[in-house]
Amino acid sequence: MPSNIFPTQYSTLSAKALNDSISKRYGLRNTACRLLIRNVSDTYVIESPTDKFIFKIYRDAHRKLDEIKGEVELLTLLAEKGAKVSYPIPDLSGNKIQSFSAAEGTRNGVLFSYAKGDVSANPTDEQLSVIGREMAEIHNITANITLNNRRLIINSETTITSPLSIIKPAFEELQDEYEYLKITGEEVVTKLNGVNYKNFGHGYCHYDFLPKNFHFDEQNNITFFDFDFAGKGLLVNDIMTFYVHYFLDVTYGRLSRDEAERAFSSFLESYRQIRPLHNDELKAIPYLGFGFWTFYLGFQYENFDDWSNFFFGPKFLRDRTALIKKWMNWFGEV
């Protein structure tokens, strides 16, 4: 890096320069590139008269190269086995990961196939059937593979114990809220440590299976994307994250609880037509869900100075703790 460039922690790569570089590397013609999302990673849309792609640029502070390789490996395997996922595309030399010398150092990127269609925030019965079936198909694949590259291990240490330690400084002025999270976290870990996991499915899960991360086209064909947090753990974690969607819909008045439970049951019925799901797995949802909330609090705290400082503060933490309390009370847990 030239000595006259001031140290940088997060740059935004030029869409025009990316378009030129990607066009050459992939042999694309008449393309245009625009920045879609600047976030923990940056997402660009690349379009030509006949094709559309997503190009994702990772930050080293968020995803190391071996983790990116793990995501690429996972999605390549899923696509090869017929899963409905947005998949990485190789360049003319067969490379699926591109490197760029940015102001803060090397940034790596991946070109993905485009997920046609749109988000369905309130899936129809037909769409719920598709979601359940295709999630089960993904789990049937990921339960039987071992990646050569590193991905997150999803367990109580990585989703509860470690995040609660990480976020403690953020709660300096919110001692009551942190005490609740700490005590409840210890109780949840104890519960999870006492579970007999013989009836549980294990494998690689998406860990953010919310409607914002899959599209339906006009024929209700589905495409899943954004496997950024995919890791190895209990497969019911994906079912838990989909239940979070309905918990939020009820909490914010978009659905009644009866409507939400009916929709979730319809999804489960479809899932079970493809893959067994034991009731013991469903009983773990309250505790796994607590880990989901605390995991993302830890992630947001570690990365807030780069992307989320506009919302990460005392009000957000107070409201998020209240939401977690509501989640636990939802199941009759304290």
C-alpha atoms as a PDB file:
ATOM      1  CA  MET A   1       0.000   0.000   0.000  1.00  0.00           C
ATOM      2  CA  PRO A   2       1.434   3.445  -0.878  1.00  0.00           C
ATOM      3  CA  SER A   3       2.695   5.291   2.182  1.00  0.00           C
ATOM      4  CA  ASN A   4       0.646   8.394   1.356  1.00  0.00           C
ATOM      5  CA  ILE A   5      -2.715   6.583   1.827  1.00  0.00           C
ATOM      6  CA  PHE A   6      -4.131   7.242   5.283  1.00  0.00           C
ATOM      7  CA  PRO A   7      -5.002   4.022   7.215  1.00  0.00           C
ATOM      8  CA  THR A   8      -8.541   2.922   6.352  1.00  0.00           C
ATOM      9  CA  GLN A   9     -10.840   0.378   7.971  1.00  0.00           C
ATOM     10  CA  TYR A  10     -13.685   0.280   5.439  1.00  0.00           C
ATOM     11  CA  SER A  11     -13.567   1.522   1.871  1.00  0.00           C
ATOM     12  CA  THR A  12     -16.247   1.357  -0.804  1.00  0.00           C
ATOM     13  CA  LEU A  13     -14.993   0.025  -4.113  1.00  0.00           C
ATOM     14  CA  SER A  14     -15.948   1.935  -7.252  1.00  0.00           C
ATOM     15  CA  ALA A  15     -18.868   0.317  -9.088  1.00  0.00           C
ATOM     16  CA  LYS A  16     -17.449   1.473 -12.412  1.00  0.00           C
ATOM     17  CA  ALA A  17     -13.992   0.019 -11.724  1.00  0.00           C
ATOM     18  CA  LEU A  18     -15.551  -3.227 -10.482  1.00  0.00           C
ATOM     19  CA  ASN A  19     -17.623  -3.460 -13.625  1.00  0.00           C
ATOM     20  CA  ASP A  20     -14.525  -3.133 -15.794  1.00  0.00           C
ATOM     21  CA  SER A  21     -12.575  -5.673 -13.745  1.00  0.00           C
ATOM     22  CA  ILE A  22     -15.347  -8.261 -13.487  1.00  0.00           C
ATOM     23  CA  SER A  23     -16.237  -7.950 -17.177  1.00  0.00           C
ATOM     24  CA  LYS A  24     -12.670  -8.833 -18.123  1.00  0.00           C
ATOM     25  CA  ARG A  25     -12.304 -11.654 -15.596  1.00  0.00           C
ATOM     26  CA  TYR A  26     -15.608 -13.304 -16.524  1.00  0.00           C
ATOM     27  CA  GLY A  27     -15.805 -12.465 -20.200  1.00  0.00           C
ATOM     28  CA  LEU A  28     -18.989 -10.435 -19.803  1.00  0.00           C
ATOM     29  CA  ARG A  29     -20.058  -7.776 -22.290  1.00  0.00           C
ATOM     30  CA  ASN A  30     -22.191  -4.647 -22.126  1.00  0.00           C
ATOM     31  CA  THR A  31     -22.571  -4.827 -18.359  1.00  0.00           C
ATOM     32  CA  ALA A  32     -23.419  -2.136 -15.825  1.00  0.00           C
ATOM     33  CA  CYS A  33     -22.632  -2.324 -12.113  1.00  0.00           C
ATOM     34  CA  ARG A  34     -24.277  -0.521  -9.206  1.00  0.00           C
ATOM     35  CA  LEU A  35     -23.907  -0.681  -5.443  1.00  0.00           C
ATOM     36  CA  LEU A  36     -26.992  -2.298  -3.908  1.00  0.00           C
ATOM     37  CA  ILE A  37     -26.094  -2.530  -0.204  1.00  0.00           C
ATOM     38  CA  ARG A  38     -23.194  -1.169   1.835  1.00  0.00           C
ATOM     39  CA  ASN A  39     -23.220  -3.233   4.982  1.00  0.00           C
ATOM     40  CA  VAL A  40     -21.042  -5.779   6.776  1.00  0.00           C
ATOM     41  CA  SER A  41     -20.177  -6.815   3.264  1.00  0.00           C
ATOM     42  CA  ASP A  42     -20.956  -4.829   0.123  1.00  0.00           C
ATOM     43  CA  THR A  43     -23.377  -6.101  -2.501  1.00  0.00           C
ATOM     44  CA  TYR A  44     -23.363  -4.971  -6.128  1.00  0.00           C
ATOM     45  CA  VAL A  45     -25.767  -5.784  -8.946  1.00  0.00           C
ATOM     46  CA  ILE A  46     -24.171  -6.489 -12.327  1.00  0.00           C
ATOM     47  CA  GLU A  47     -26.473  -6.474 -15.343  1.00  0.00           C
ATOM     48  CA  SER A  48     -26.168  -7.009 -19.069  1.00  0.00           C
ATOM     49  CA  PRO A  49     -28.978  -7.031 -21.642  1.00  0.00           C
ATOM     50  CA  THR A  50     -29.347 -10.800 -21.101  1.00  0.00           C
ATOM     51  CA  ASP A  51     -27.960 -11.619 -17.625  1.00  0.00           C
ATOM     52  CA  LYS A  52     -28.004 -10.429 -14.033  1.00  0.00           C
ATOM     53  CA  PHE A  53     -25.589 -11.272 -11.215  1.00  0.00           C
ATOM     54  CA  ILE A  54     -24.801 -10.380  -7.633  1.00  0.00           C
ATOM     55  CA  PHE A  55     -21.222  -9.520  -6.721  1.00  0.00           C
ATOM     56  CA  LYS A  56     -20.421  -9.597  -3.028  1.00  0.00           C
ATOM     57  CA  ILE A  57     -17.345  -7.952  -1.525  1.00  0.00           C
ATOM     58  CA  TYR A  58     -16.343  -9.174   1.933  1.00  0.00           C
ATOM     59  CA  ARG A  59     -14.384  -7.331   4.592  1.00  0.00           C
ATOM     60  CA  ASP A  60     -11.419  -9.109   6.148  1.00  0.00           C
ATOM     61  CA  ALA A  61     -12.511  -7.914   9.607  1.00  0.00           C
ATOM     62  CA  HIS A  62     -15.764  -9.789   9.090  1.00  0.00           C
ATOM     63  CA  ARG A  63     -14.863 -12.820   6.946  1.00  0.00           C
ATOM     64  CA  LYS A  64     -11.407 -14.332   6.585  1.00  0.00           C
ATOM     65  CA  LEU A  65     -10.452 -15.969   3.290  1.00  0.00           C
ATOM     66  CA  ASP A  66     -10.810 -19.526   4.600  1.00  0.00           C
ATOM     67  CA  GLU A  67     -14.367 -18.758   5.745  1.00  0.00           C
ATOM     68  CA  ILE A  68     -15.219 -17.337   2.323  1.00  0.00           C
ATOM     69  CA  LYS A  69     -13.799 -20.507   0.790  1.00  0.00           C
ATOM     70  CA  GLY A  70     -16.072 -22.489   3.115  1.00  0.00           C
ATOM     71  CA  GLU A  71     -19.145 -20.570   1.952  1.00  0.00           C
ATOM     72  CA  VAL A  72     -18.166 -21.034  -1.697  1.00  0.00           C
ATOM     73  CA  GLU A  73     -17.537 -24.748  -1.129  1.00  0.00           C
ATOM     74  CA  LEU A  74     -20.883 -25.205   0.622  1.00  0.00           C
ATOM     75  CA  LEU A  75     -22.910 -23.381  -2.027  1.00  0.00           C
ATOM     76  CA  THR A  76     -21.125 -25.162  -4.850  1.00  0.00           C
ATOM     77  CA  LEU A  77     -21.960 -28.540  -3.301  1.00  0.00           C
ATOM     78  CA  LEU A  78     -25.578 -27.531  -2.717  1.00  0.00           C
ATOM     79  CA  ALA A  79     -26.004 -26.318  -6.290  1.00  0.00           C
ATOM     80  CA  GLU A  80     -24.379 -29.463  -7.717  1.00  0.00           C
ATOM     81  CA  LYS A  81     -26.824 -31.599  -5.734  1.00  0.00           C
ATOM     82  CA  GLY A  82     -29.843 -29.648  -6.954  1.00  0.00           C
ATOM     83  CA  ALA A  83     -30.580 -27.334  -4.034  1.00  0.00           C
ATOM     84  CA  LYS A  84     -32.363 -24.094  -4.924  1.00  0.00           C
ATOM     85  CA  VAL A  85     -29.582 -21.680  -3.988  1.00  0.00           C
ATOM     86  CA  SER A  86     -27.745 -18.712  -5.448  1.00  0.00           C
ATOM     87  CA  TYR A  87     -24.359 -20.219  -6.324  1.00  0.00           C
ATOM     88  CA  PRO A  88     -20.819 -18.908  -6.962  1.00  0.00           C
ATOM     89  CA  ILE A  89     -19.767 -18.545 -10.606  1.00  0.00           C
ATOM     90  CA  PRO A  90     -16.182 -19.239 -11.762  1.00  0.00           C
ATOM     91  CA  ASP A  91     -14.290 -16.730 -13.888  1.00  0.00           C
ATOM     92  CA  LEU A  92     -12.568 -17.552 -17.181  1.00  0.00           C
ATOM     93  CA  SER A  93      -9.660 -19.106 -15.251  1.00  0.00           C
ATOM     94  CA  GLY A  94     -11.939 -21.178 -13.018  1.00  0.00           C
ATOM     95  CA  ASN A  95     -11.508 -18.963  -9.936  1.00  0.00           C
ATOM     96  CA  LYS A  96     -14.575 -18.373  -7.767  1.00  0.00           C
ATOM     97  CA  ILE A  97     -12.992 -15.830  -5.404  1.00  0.00           C
ATOM     98  CA  GLN A  98     -11.621 -12.513  -6.645  1.00  0.00           C
ATOM     99  CA  SER A  99      -9.140 -10.356  -4.738  1.00  0.00           C
ATOM    100  CA  PHE A 100      -8.875  -6.566  -4.844  1.00  0.00           C
ATOM    101  CA  SER A 101      -6.228  -4.315  -3.343  1.00  0.00           C
ATOM    102  CA  ALA A 102      -8.364  -1.783  -1.449  1.00  0.00           C
ATOM    103  CA  ALA A 103      -7.331   1.130   0.768  1.00  0.00           C
ATOM    104  CA  GLU A 104      -7.564  -1.003   3.927  1.00  0.00           C
ATOM    105  CA  GLY A 105      -5.864  -4.007   2.340  1.00  0.00           C
ATOM    106  CA  THR A 106      -7.080  -7.020   0.401  1.00  0.00           C
ATOM    107  CA  ARG A 107     -10.812  -7.452  -0.057  1.00  0.00           C
ATOM    108  CA  ASN A 108     -12.227 -10.644  -1.547  1.00  0.00           C
ATOM    109  CA  GLY A 109     -15.344 -10.964  -3.641  1.00  0.00           C
ATOM    110  CA  VAL A 110     -17.568 -13.620  -5.205  1.00  0.00           C
ATOM    111  CA  LEU A 111     -19.882 -13.439  -8.232  1.00  0.00           C
ATOM    112  CA  PHE A 112     -23.204 -15.185  -7.532  1.00  0.00           C
ATOM    113  CA  SER A 113     -26.087 -16.234  -9.736  1.00  0.00           C
ATOM    114  CA  TYR A 114     -29.057 -13.930  -9.344  1.00  0.00           C
ATOM    115  CA  ALA A 115     -32.029 -15.003  -7.206  1.00  0.00           C
ATOM    116  CA  LYS A 116     -34.984 -14.279  -9.480  1.00  0.00           C
ATOM    117  CA  GLY A 117     -38.190 -12.887  -8.038  1.00  0.00           C
ATOM    118  CA  ASP A 118     -38.865 -11.018  -4.826  1.00  0.00           C
ATOM    119  CA  VAL A 119     -39.179 -11.424  -1.068  1.00  0.00           C
ATOM    120  CA  SER A 120     -42.526 -12.805   0.097  1.00  0.00           C
ATOM    121  CA  ALA A 121     -42.901 -11.305   3.585  1.00  0.00           C
ATOM    122  CA  ASN A 122     -46.127 -13.235   4.210  1.00  0.00           C
ATOM    123  CA  PRO A 123     -45.770 -16.541   2.326  1.00  0.00           C
ATOM    124  CA  THR A 124     -48.894 -18.170   0.944  1.00  0.00           C
ATOM    125  CA  ASP A 125     -49.781 -21.766   1.765  1.00  0.00           C
ATOM    126  CA  GLU A 126     -48.274 -22.877  -1.535  1.00  0.00           C
ATOM    127  CA  GLN A 127     -45.089 -20.949  -0.785  1.00  0.00           C
ATOM    128  CA  LEU A 128     -44.898 -22.366   2.748  1.00  0.00           C
ATOM    129  CA  SER A 129     -45.030 -25.825   1.227  1.00  0.00           C
ATOM    130  CA  VAL A 130     -42.115 -24.918  -1.066  1.00  0.00           C
ATOM    131  CA  ILE A 131     -40.085 -23.407   1.778  1.00  0.00           C
ATOM    132  CA  GLY A 132     -40.531 -26.472   3.985  1.00  0.00           C
ATOM    133  CA  ARG A 133     -39.733 -28.932   1.217  1.00  0.00           C
ATOM    134  CA  GLU A 134     -36.687 -27.093  -0.074  1.00  0.00           C
ATOM    135  CA  MET A 135     -35.262 -26.395   3.373  1.00  0.00           C
ATOM    136  CA  ALA A 136     -35.536 -30.112   4.117  1.00  0.00           C
ATOM    137  CA  GLU A 137     -33.788 -30.908   0.832  1.00  0.00           C
ATOM    138  CA  ILE A 138     -30.921 -28.606   1.807  1.00  0.00           C
ATOM    139  CA  HIS A 139     -30.672 -30.279   5.209  1.00  0.00           C
ATOM    140  CA  ASN A 140     -30.606 -33.715   3.623  1.00  0.00           C
ATOM    141  CA  ILE A 141     -27.530 -32.579   1.726  1.00  0.00           C
ATOM    142  CA  THR A 142     -25.730 -30.676   4.482  1.00  0.00           C
ATOM    143  CA  ALA A 143     -26.256 -33.451   7.032  1.00  0.00           C
ATOM    144  CA  ASN A 144     -24.048 -35.696   4.900  1.00  0.00           C
ATOM    145  CA  ILE A 145     -21.101 -33.490   3.942  1.00  0.00           C
ATOM    146  CA  THR A 146     -17.943 -32.250   5.614  1.00  0.00           C
ATOM    147  CA  LEU A 147     -16.365 -29.101   4.227  1.00  0.00           C
ATOM    148  CA  ASN A 148     -12.638 -28.801   3.730  1.00  0.00           C
ATOM    149  CA  ASN A 149     -12.728 -25.130   4.695  1.00  0.00           C
ATOM    150  CA  ARG A 150     -13.641 -23.480   7.973  1.00  0.00           C
ATOM    151  CA  ARG A 151     -17.107 -22.283   8.912  1.00  0.00           C
ATOM    152  CA  LEU A 152     -18.659 -21.169  12.182  1.00  0.00           C
ATOM    153  CA  ILE A 153     -19.423 -23.881  14.736  1.00  0.00           C
ATOM    154  CA  ILE A 154     -22.903 -23.098  16.058  1.00  0.00           C
ATOM    155  CA  ASN A 155     -23.207 -24.110  19.709  1.00  0.00           C
ATOM    156  CA  SER A 156     -23.967 -22.548  23.094  1.00  0.00           C
ATOM    157  CA  GLU A 157     -20.409 -21.247  23.434  1.00  0.00           C
ATOM    158  CA  THR A 158     -20.400 -19.379  20.115  1.00  0.00           C
ATOM    159  CA  THR A 159     -24.003 -18.133  20.296  1.00  0.00           C
ATOM    160  CA  ILE A 160     -24.481 -17.407  24.012  1.00  0.00           C
ATOM    161  CA  THR A 161     -21.434 -17.560  26.297  1.00  0.00           C
ATOM    162  CA  SER A 162     -18.963 -15.757  24.061  1.00  0.00           C
ATOM    163  CA  PRO A 163     -21.385 -13.086  22.744  1.00  0.00           C
ATOM    164  CA  LEU A 164     -22.568 -12.228  26.257  1.00  0.00           C
ATOM    165  CA  SER A 165     -18.961 -11.635  27.238  1.00  0.00           C
ATOM    166  CA  ILE A 166     -18.336  -9.556  24.108  1.00  0.00           C
ATOM    167  CA  ILE A 167     -21.341  -7.251  24.562  1.00  0.00           C
ATOM    168  CA  LYS A 168     -20.878  -6.563  28.283  1.00  0.00           C
ATOM    169  CA  PRO A 169     -19.135  -3.162  27.763  1.00  0.00           C
ATOM    170  CA  ALA A 170     -22.082  -1.960  25.652  1.00  0.00           C
ATOM    171  CA  PHE A 171     -24.412  -2.403  28.646  1.00  0.00           C
ATOM    172  CA  GLU A 172     -22.395  -0.221  31.029  1.00  0.00           C
ATOM    173  CA  GLU A 173     -25.405   2.074  31.530  1.00  0.00           C
ATOM    174  CA  LEU A 174     -27.933  -0.782  31.317  1.00  0.00           C
ATOM    175  CA  GLN A 175     -26.955  -3.020  34.198  1.00  0.00           C
ATOM    176  CA  ASP A 176     -30.457  -4.437  34.769  1.00  0.00           C
ATOM    177  CA  GLU A 177     -30.768  -5.425  31.118  1.00  0.00           C
ATOM    178  CA  TYR A 178     -27.358  -7.084  31.086  1.00  0.00           C
ATOM    179  CA  GLU A 179     -28.070  -8.925  34.330  1.00  0.00           C
ATOM    180  CA  TYR A 180     -31.210 -10.363  32.761  1.00  0.00           C
ATOM    181  CA  LEU A 181     -29.298 -11.516  29.682  1.00  0.00           C
ATOM    182  CA  LYS A 182     -26.476 -12.986  31.767  1.00  0.00           C
ATOM    183  CA  ILE A 183     -28.708 -14.919  34.162  1.00  0.00           C
ATOM    184  CA  THR A 184     -31.053 -16.105  31.429  1.00  0.00           C
ATOM    185  CA  GLY A 185     -28.076 -17.089  29.286  1.00  0.00           C
ATOM    186  CA  GLU A 186     -26.668 -19.238  32.074  1.00  0.00           C
ATOM    187  CA  GLU A 187     -30.066 -20.920  32.514  1.00  0.00           C
ATOM    188  CA  VAL A 188     -30.386 -21.541  28.776  1.00  0.00           C
ATOM    189  CA  VAL A 189     -26.892 -23.030  28.548  1.00  0.00           C
ATOM    190  CA  THR A 190     -27.746 -25.351  31.442  1.00  0.00           C
ATOM    191  CA  LYS A 191     -30.926 -26.415  29.629  1.00  0.00           C
ATOM    192  CA  LEU A 192     -29.048 -27.062  26.382  1.00  0.00           C
ATOM    193  CA  ASN A 193     -26.300 -28.987  28.174  1.00  0.00           C
ATOM    194  CA  GLY A 194     -28.973 -31.297  29.603  1.00  0.00           C
ATOM    195  CA  VAL A 195     -30.560 -32.160  26.244  1.00  0.00           C
ATOM    196  CA  ASN A 196     -30.162 -35.648  24.798  1.00  0.00           C
ATOM    197  CA  TYR A 197     -29.251 -34.903  21.191  1.00  0.00           C
ATOM    198  CA  LYS A 198     -29.682 -38.409  19.787  1.00  0.00           C
ATOM    199  CA  ASN A 199     -32.901 -37.369  18.016  1.00  0.00           C
ATOM    200  CA  PHE A 200     -31.418 -34.195  16.507  1.00  0.00           C
ATOM    201  CA  GLY A 201     -30.177 -33.623  12.985  1.00  0.00           C
ATOM    202  CA  HIS A 202     -26.669 -32.169  12.627  1.00  0.00           C
ATOM    203  CA  GLY A 203     -25.048 -30.486   9.650  1.00  0.00           C
ATOM    204  CA  TYR A 204     -24.505 -27.099   8.042  1.00  0.00           C
ATOM    205  CA  CYS A 205     -27.334 -24.651   8.537  1.00  0.00           C
ATOM    206  CA  HIS A 206     -28.046 -21.219   7.080  1.00  0.00           C
ATOM    207  CA  TYR A 207     -28.645 -19.628  10.507  1.00  0.00           C
ATOM    208  CA  ASP A 208     -30.619 -16.698   9.093  1.00  0.00           C
ATOM    209  CA  PHE A 209     -33.538 -18.439   7.402  1.00  0.00           C
ATOM    210  CA  LEU A 210     -35.797 -15.379   7.270  1.00  0.00           C
ATOM    211  CA  PRO A 211     -37.924 -14.358   4.244  1.00  0.00           C
ATOM    212  CA  LYS A 212     -35.470 -11.564   3.400  1.00  0.00           C
ATOM    213  CA  ASN A 213     -33.012 -14.284   2.388  1.00  0.00           C
ATOM    214  CA  PHE A 214     -35.038 -16.091  -0.266  1.00  0.00           C
ATOM    215  CA  HIS A 215     -36.947 -15.019  -3.355  1.00  0.00           C
ATOM    216  CA  PHE A 216     -39.996 -16.438  -5.124  1.00  0.00           C
ATOM    217  CA  ASP A 217     -40.519 -15.901  -8.829  1.00  0.00           C
ATOM    218  CA  GLU A 218     -43.940 -15.680 -10.513  1.00  0.00           C
ATOM    219  CA  GLN A 219     -44.186 -19.484 -10.683  1.00  0.00           C
ATOM    220  CA  ASN A 220     -43.317 -19.825  -6.960  1.00  0.00           C
ATOM    221  CA  ASN A 221     -39.875 -21.187  -7.692  1.00  0.00           C
ATOM    222  CA  ILE A 222     -37.658 -20.397  -4.715  1.00  0.00           C
ATOM    223  CA  THR A 223     -34.004 -19.390  -4.496  1.00  0.00           C
ATOM    224  CA  PHE A 224     -32.176 -19.176  -1.150  1.00  0.00           C
ATOM    225  CA  PHE A 225     -29.240 -16.801  -0.734  1.00  0.00           C
ATOM    226  CA  ASP A 226     -27.048 -14.987   1.801  1.00  0.00           C
ATOM    227  CA  PHE A 227     -25.325 -17.953   3.466  1.00  0.00           C
ATOM    228  CA  ASP A 228     -22.905 -15.507   5.090  1.00  0.00           C
ATOM    229  CA  PHE A 229     -23.494 -16.907   8.599  1.00  0.00           C
ATOM    230  CA  ALA A 230     -23.841 -20.557   7.578  1.00  0.00           C
ATOM    231  CA  GLY A 231     -22.182 -22.871  10.058  1.00  0.00           C
ATOM    232  CA  LYS A 232     -22.160 -26.374  11.465  1.00  0.00           C
ATOM    233  CA  GLY A 233     -24.581 -27.241  14.226  1.00  0.00           C
ATOM    234  CA  LEU A 234     -28.110 -28.424  14.922  1.00  0.00           C
ATOM    235  CA  LEU A 235     -30.223 -28.275  11.778  1.00  0.00           C
ATOM    236  CA  VAL A 236     -33.272 -27.226  13.801  1.00  0.00           C
ATOM    237  CA  ASN A 237     -31.558 -23.843  14.102  1.00  0.00           C
ATOM    238  CA  ASP A 238     -32.899 -23.060  10.626  1.00  0.00           C
ATOM    239  CA  ILE A 239     -36.415 -23.997  11.674  1.00  0.00           C
ATOM    240  CA  MET A 240     -35.962 -21.783  14.746  1.00  0.00           C
ATOM    241  CA  THR A 241     -34.922 -18.783  12.655  1.00  0.00           C
ATOM    242  CA  PHE A 242     -37.976 -19.225  10.432  1.00  0.00           C
ATOM    243  CA  TYR A 243     -40.141 -19.291  13.566  1.00  0.00           C
ATOM    244  CA  VAL A 244     -38.499 -16.005  14.618  1.00  0.00           C
ATOM    245  CA  HIS A 245     -40.108 -14.475  11.520  1.00  0.00           C
ATOM    246  CA  TYR A 246     -43.578 -15.378  12.820  1.00  0.00           C
ATOM    247  CA  PHE A 247     -42.754 -14.292  16.365  1.00  0.00           C
ATOM    248  CA  LEU A 248     -41.849 -10.849  14.974  1.00  0.00           C
ATOM    249  CA  ASP A 249     -44.979 -10.702  12.809  1.00  0.00           C
ATOM    250  CA  VAL A 250     -47.149 -11.281  15.875  1.00  0.00           C
ATOM    251  CA  THR A 251     -45.098  -8.928  18.056  1.00  0.00           C
ATOM    252  CA  TYR A 252     -45.483  -6.071  15.565  1.00  0.00           C
ATOM    253  CA  GLY A 253     -49.160  -6.717  14.866  1.00  0.00           C
ATOM    254  CA  ARG A 254     -48.864  -8.078  11.341  1.00  0.00           C
ATOM    255  CA  LEU A 255     -50.454 -11.435  12.227  1.00  0.00           C
ATOM    256  CA  SER A 256     -52.413 -12.934  15.107  1.00  0.00           C
ATOM    257  CA  ARG A 257     -50.687 -15.704  17.034  1.00  0.00           C
ATOM    258  CA  ASP A 258     -53.219 -18.232  15.729  1.00  0.00           C
ATOM    259  CA  GLU A 259     -52.455 -17.177  12.140  1.00  0.00           C
ATOM    260  CA  ALA A 260     -48.715 -17.413  12.775  1.00  0.00           C
ATOM    261  CA  GLU A 261     -48.919 -20.847  14.390  1.00  0.00           C
ATOM    262  CA  ARG A 262     -51.100 -22.143  11.560  1.00  0.00           C
ATOM    263  CA  ALA A 263     -48.607 -20.923   8.951  1.00  0.00           C
ATOM    264  CA  PHE A 264     -45.654 -22.377  10.825  1.00  0.00           C
ATOM    265  CA  SER A 265     -47.449 -25.721  11.208  1.00  0.00           C
ATOM    266  CA  SER A 266     -48.067 -25.765   7.457  1.00  0.00           C
ATOM    267  CA  PHE A 267     -44.346 -25.200   6.868  1.00  0.00           C
ATOM    268  CA  LEU A 268     -43.453 -28.006   9.316  1.00  0.00           C
ATOM    269  CA  GLU A 269     -45.847 -30.416   7.626  1.00  0.00           C
ATOM    270  CA  SER A 270     -44.135 -29.838   4.301  1.00  0.00           C
ATOM    271  CA  TYR A 271     -40.666 -30.154   5.845  1.00  0.00           C
ATOM    272  CA  ARG A 272     -41.593 -33.492   7.442  1.00  0.00           C
ATOM    273  CA  GLN A 273     -42.696 -34.902   4.093  1.00  0.00           C
ATOM    274  CA  ILE A 274     -39.042 -34.772   3.030  1.00  0.00           C
ATOM    275  CA  ARG A 275     -37.056 -35.087   6.260  1.00  0.00           C
ATOM    276  CA  PRO A 276     -37.876 -36.425   9.769  1.00  0.00           C
ATOM    277  CA  LEU A 277     -38.190 -33.821  12.508  1.00  0.00           C
ATOM    278  CA  HIS A 278     -38.388 -35.019  16.108  1.00  0.00           C
ATOM    279  CA  ASN A 279     -40.488 -33.209  18.687  1.00  0.00           C
ATOM    280  CA  ASP A 280     -37.375 -32.968  20.876  1.00  0.00           C
ATOM    281  CA  GLU A 281     -35.898 -30.681  18.230  1.00  0.00           C
ATOM    282  CA  LEU A 282     -38.917 -28.389  18.339  1.00  0.00           C
ATOM    283  CA  LYS A 283     -38.770 -28.250  22.141  1.00  0.00           C
ATOM    284  CA  ALA A 284     -35.281 -26.748  21.870  1.00  0.00           C
ATOM    285  CA  ILE A 285     -36.471 -23.755  19.806  1.00  0.00           C
ATOM    286  CA  PRO A 286     -36.909 -21.369  22.791  1.00  0.00           C
ATOM    287  CA  TYR A 287     -33.320 -21.925  23.945  1.00  0.00           C
ATOM    288  CA  LEU A 288     -31.771 -21.930  20.481  1.00  0.00           C
ATOM    289  CA  GLY A 289     -33.690 -18.742  19.766  1.00  0.00           C
ATOM    290  CA  PHE A 290     -32.146 -17.028  22.777  1.00  0.00           C
ATOM    291  CA  GLY A 291     -28.780 -17.922  21.281  1.00  0.00           C
ATOM    292  CA  PHE A 292     -29.858 -16.484  17.930  1.00  0.00           C
ATOM    293  CA  TRP A 293     -30.609 -13.117  19.532  1.00  0.00           C
ATOM    294  CA  THR A 294     -27.411 -12.971  21.580  1.00  0.00           C
ATOM    295  CA  PHE A 295     -25.230 -14.161  18.687  1.00  0.00           C
ATOM    296  CA  TYR A 296     -26.375 -11.281  16.495  1.00  0.00           C
ATOM    297  CA  LEU A 297     -26.010  -8.796  19.369  1.00  0.00           C
ATOM    298  CA  GLY A 298     -22.381  -9.885  19.631  1.00  0.00           C
ATOM    299  CA  PHE A 299     -21.883  -9.544  15.906  1.00  0.00           C
ATOM    300  CA  GLN A 300     -23.478  -6.113  15.796  1.00  0.00           C
ATOM    301  CA  TYR A 301     -21.377  -4.879  18.706  1.00  0.00           C
ATOM    302  CA  GLU A 302     -18.122  -6.081  17.162  1.00  0.00           C
ATOM    303  CA  ASN A 303     -18.956  -4.465  13.817  1.00  0.00           C
ATOM    304  CA  PHE A 304     -21.088  -1.463  14.764  1.00  0.00           C
ATOM    305  CA  ASP A 305     -18.400   1.144  14.144  1.00  0.00           C
ATOM    306  CA  ASP A 306     -18.219   0.047  10.512  1.00  0.00           C
ATOM    307  CA  TRP A 307     -21.875  -0.165   9.603  1.00  0.00           C
ATOM    308  CA  SER A 308     -24.483  -0.001  12.366  1.00  0.00           C
ATOM    309  CA  ASN A 309     -23.619   2.994  14.535  1.00  0.00           C
ATOM    310  CA  PHE A 310     -26.789   4.714  13.336  1.00  0.00           C
ATOM    311  CA  PHE A 311     -28.892   2.355  15.476  1.00  0.00           C
ATOM    312  CA  PHE A 312     -26.618   0.533  17.929  1.00  0.00           C
ATOM    313  CA  GLY A 313     -26.979   2.414  21.203  1.00  0.00           C
ATOM    314  CA  PRO A 314     -28.787   2.364  24.583  1.00  0.00           C
ATOM    315  CA  LYS A 315     -32.282   2.558  23.078  1.00  0.00           C
ATOM    316  CA  PHE A 316     -31.600  -0.293  20.669  1.00  0.00           C
ATOM    317  CA  LEU A 317     -30.098  -2.442  23.446  1.00  0.00           C
ATOM    318  CA  ARG A 318     -32.988  -1.698  25.807  1.00  0.00           C
ATOM    319  CA  ASP A 319     -35.544  -2.518  23.130  1.00  0.00           C
ATOM    320  CA  ARG A 320     -33.678  -5.640  22.021  1.00  0.00           C
ATOM    321  CA  THR A 321     -33.494  -6.932  25.607  1.00  0.00           C
ATOM    322  CA  ALA A 322     -37.243  -6.354  25.952  1.00  0.00           C
ATOM    323  CA  LEU A 323     -37.768  -8.307  22.723  1.00  0.00           C
ATOM    324  CA  ILE A 324     -35.653 -11.190  24.046  1.00  0.00           C
ATOM    325  CA  LYS A 325     -37.724 -11.190  27.260  1.00  0.00           C
ATOM    326  CA  LYS A 326     -40.860 -11.361  25.158  1.00  0.00           C
ATOM    327  CA  TRP A 327     -39.364 -14.288  23.207  1.00  0.00           C
ATOM    328  CA  MET A 328     -38.678 -16.242  26.390  1.00  0.00           C
ATOM    329  CA  ASN A 329     -42.081 -15.386  27.874  1.00  0.00           C
ATOM    330  CA  TRP A 330     -43.687 -16.462  24.600  1.00  0.00           C
ATOM    331  CA  PHE A 331     -42.763 -20.058  25.502  1.00  0.00           C
ATOM    332  CA  GLY A 332     -43.426 -19.679  29.236  1.00  0.00           C
ATOM    333  CA  GLU A 333     -39.692 -19.410  29.976  1.00  0.00           C
ATOM    334  CA  VAL A 334     -38.238 -16.849  32.371  1.00  0.00           C
END
